[in-house]
């Protein structure tokens, strides 16, 4: 049996679009209809914010953690040969956006197998 990949869809959407989707799904839920949450989604309101959030260093951190498994921030900073405070800040931001999680022993890990990043040019 093949394990289903855990995937998060990252895109750019206006605040109005996100609000409309929430209202649509709320209305469906109130009527007892199924709500479509086929995959997790993270939306940014503009490309500049997406690119600054998903910086080269943060993407490197995500890929390293995915490859090497859960660890604490101190060990992660040592392995990446980066300053602890910078790695700590990156981890806190990525935790806030749901791109990282903490396990029972407060080790951080990547809960996704795939980041599906969509960058519409007309956003």
Protein backbone atom coordinates (compact mmCIF):
# COMPACT_ATOMS: atom_id res chain seq x y z
CA UNK A 1 0.00 0.00 0.00
CA UNK A 2 1.43 3.38 -1.04
CA UNK A 3 1.45 6.13 1.56
CA UNK A 4 -0.44 9.22 0.42
CA UNK A 5 1.80 12.27 0.12
CA UNK A 6 1.08 15.11 2.47
CA UNK A 7 0.88 18.20 0.30
CA UNK A 8 0.31 21.90 0.89
CA UNK A 9 -0.73 24.22 -1.91
CA UNK A 10 0.92 27.64 -1.68
CA UNK A 11 -0.45 30.42 -3.84
CA UNK A 12 -1.33 34.09 -4.12
CA UNK A 13 -4.93 35.14 -3.55
CA UNK A 14 -6.51 38.42 -2.68
CA UNK A 15 -8.06 38.83 0.74
CA UNK A 16 -11.45 39.07 -0.98
CA UNK A 17 -10.93 35.70 -2.72
CA UNK A 18 -10.00 34.00 0.55
CA UNK A 19 -12.98 35.60 2.31
CA UNK A 20 -15.33 34.46 -0.49
CA UNK A 21 -14.04 30.87 -0.21
CA UNK A 22 -14.54 30.88 3.56
CA UNK A 23 -18.11 32.19 3.19
CA UNK A 24 -18.90 29.62 0.48
CA UNK A 25 -17.62 26.74 2.61
CA UNK A 26 -19.36 28.11 5.71
CA UNK A 27 -22.65 28.17 3.80
CA UNK A 28 -22.12 24.59 2.62
CA UNK A 29 -21.33 23.43 6.16
CA UNK A 30 -24.44 25.15 7.57
CA UNK A 31 -26.56 23.24 5.02
CA UNK A 32 -24.89 19.96 5.97
CA UNK A 33 -23.17 19.72 2.59
CA UNK A 34 -19.58 18.50 2.30
CA UNK A 35 -16.90 21.15 2.47
CA UNK A 36 -14.11 20.75 -0.04
CA UNK A 37 -10.74 20.81 1.69
CA UNK A 38 -8.94 18.40 -0.60
CA UNK A 39 -5.54 19.73 0.39
CA UNK A 40 -4.05 22.17 2.83
CA UNK A 41 -3.55 25.65 1.48
CA UNK A 42 -1.42 28.64 2.36
CA UNK A 43 -2.28 31.85 0.54
CA UNK A 44 -0.33 35.08 0.34
CA UNK A 45 -1.88 38.36 -0.77
CA UNK A 46 1.03 39.27 -3.05
CA UNK A 47 4.11 37.83 -4.69
CA UNK A 48 6.61 39.94 -2.76
CA UNK A 49 5.34 38.57 0.56
CA UNK A 50 5.40 35.01 -0.74
CA UNK A 51 8.96 35.34 -2.00
CA UNK A 52 10.25 37.00 1.16
CA UNK A 53 8.58 34.37 3.34
CA UNK A 54 9.84 31.47 1.23
CA UNK A 55 13.38 32.85 1.03
CA UNK A 56 16.32 30.78 -0.13
CA UNK A 57 17.52 30.21 3.47
CA UNK A 58 14.07 29.14 4.67
CA UNK A 59 13.61 26.76 1.75
CA UNK A 60 17.05 25.31 2.48
CA UNK A 61 15.98 24.84 6.12
CA UNK A 62 12.73 23.10 5.08
CA UNK A 63 14.49 20.74 2.66
CA UNK A 64 17.23 19.92 5.18
CA UNK A 65 14.73 19.12 7.94
CA UNK A 66 12.61 17.03 5.60
CA UNK A 67 15.65 15.02 4.54
CA UNK A 68 17.20 14.60 8.00
CA UNK A 69 14.13 14.42 10.24
CA UNK A 70 13.06 16.17 13.42
CA UNK A 71 15.60 18.02 15.56
CA UNK A 72 15.87 21.00 17.87
CA UNK A 73 16.75 24.49 16.67
CA UNK A 74 20.26 24.44 18.16
CA UNK A 75 21.19 21.26 16.29
CA UNK A 76 19.54 22.56 13.12
CA UNK A 77 21.53 25.81 13.29
CA UNK A 78 24.76 23.83 13.80
CA UNK A 79 24.02 21.49 10.88
CA UNK A 80 23.14 24.40 8.58
CA UNK A 81 26.19 26.39 9.82
CA UNK A 82 23.95 29.37 10.54
CA UNK A 83 23.56 31.70 13.50
CA UNK A 84 21.15 30.30 16.10
CA UNK A 85 19.07 33.49 16.38
CA UNK A 86 18.53 33.65 12.62
CA UNK A 87 17.48 29.99 12.46
CA UNK A 88 15.23 30.50 15.50
CA UNK A 89 13.49 33.42 13.77
CA UNK A 90 13.04 31.42 10.56
CA UNK A 91 11.64 28.45 12.48
CA UNK A 92 9.17 30.64 14.40
CA UNK A 93 7.90 32.18 11.16
CA UNK A 94 7.59 28.79 9.42
CA UNK A 95 5.75 27.38 12.45
CA UNK A 96 3.29 30.32 12.29
CA UNK A 97 2.60 29.59 8.62
CA UNK A 98 2.17 25.85 9.26
CA UNK A 99 5.16 24.84 7.16
CA UNK A 100 6.84 23.35 10.25
CA UNK A 101 5.37 21.57 13.28
CA UNK A 102 6.65 20.51 16.72
CA UNK A 103 6.42 16.94 17.99
CA UNK A 104 5.74 15.82 21.59
CA UNK A 105 9.37 16.47 22.58
CA UNK A 106 9.38 19.97 20.98
CA UNK A 107 11.55 18.82 18.08
CA UNK A 108 10.67 20.62 14.85
CA UNK A 109 9.84 18.78 11.64
CA UNK A 110 8.31 19.29 8.20
CA UNK A 111 4.78 17.83 8.14
CA UNK A 112 4.62 17.91 4.33
CA UNK A 113 6.06 15.70 1.62
CA UNK A 114 5.43 18.30 -1.04
CA UNK A 115 5.07 22.07 -1.34
CA UNK A 116 3.03 22.86 -4.46
CA UNK A 117 3.93 26.49 -5.09
CA UNK A 118 1.80 28.37 -7.60
CA UNK A 119 2.88 31.86 -8.58
CA UNK A 120 0.31 33.41 -10.93
CA UNK A 121 1.81 36.32 -12.85
CA UNK A 122 -1.54 38.10 -13.04
CA UNK A 123 -2.21 38.02 -9.29
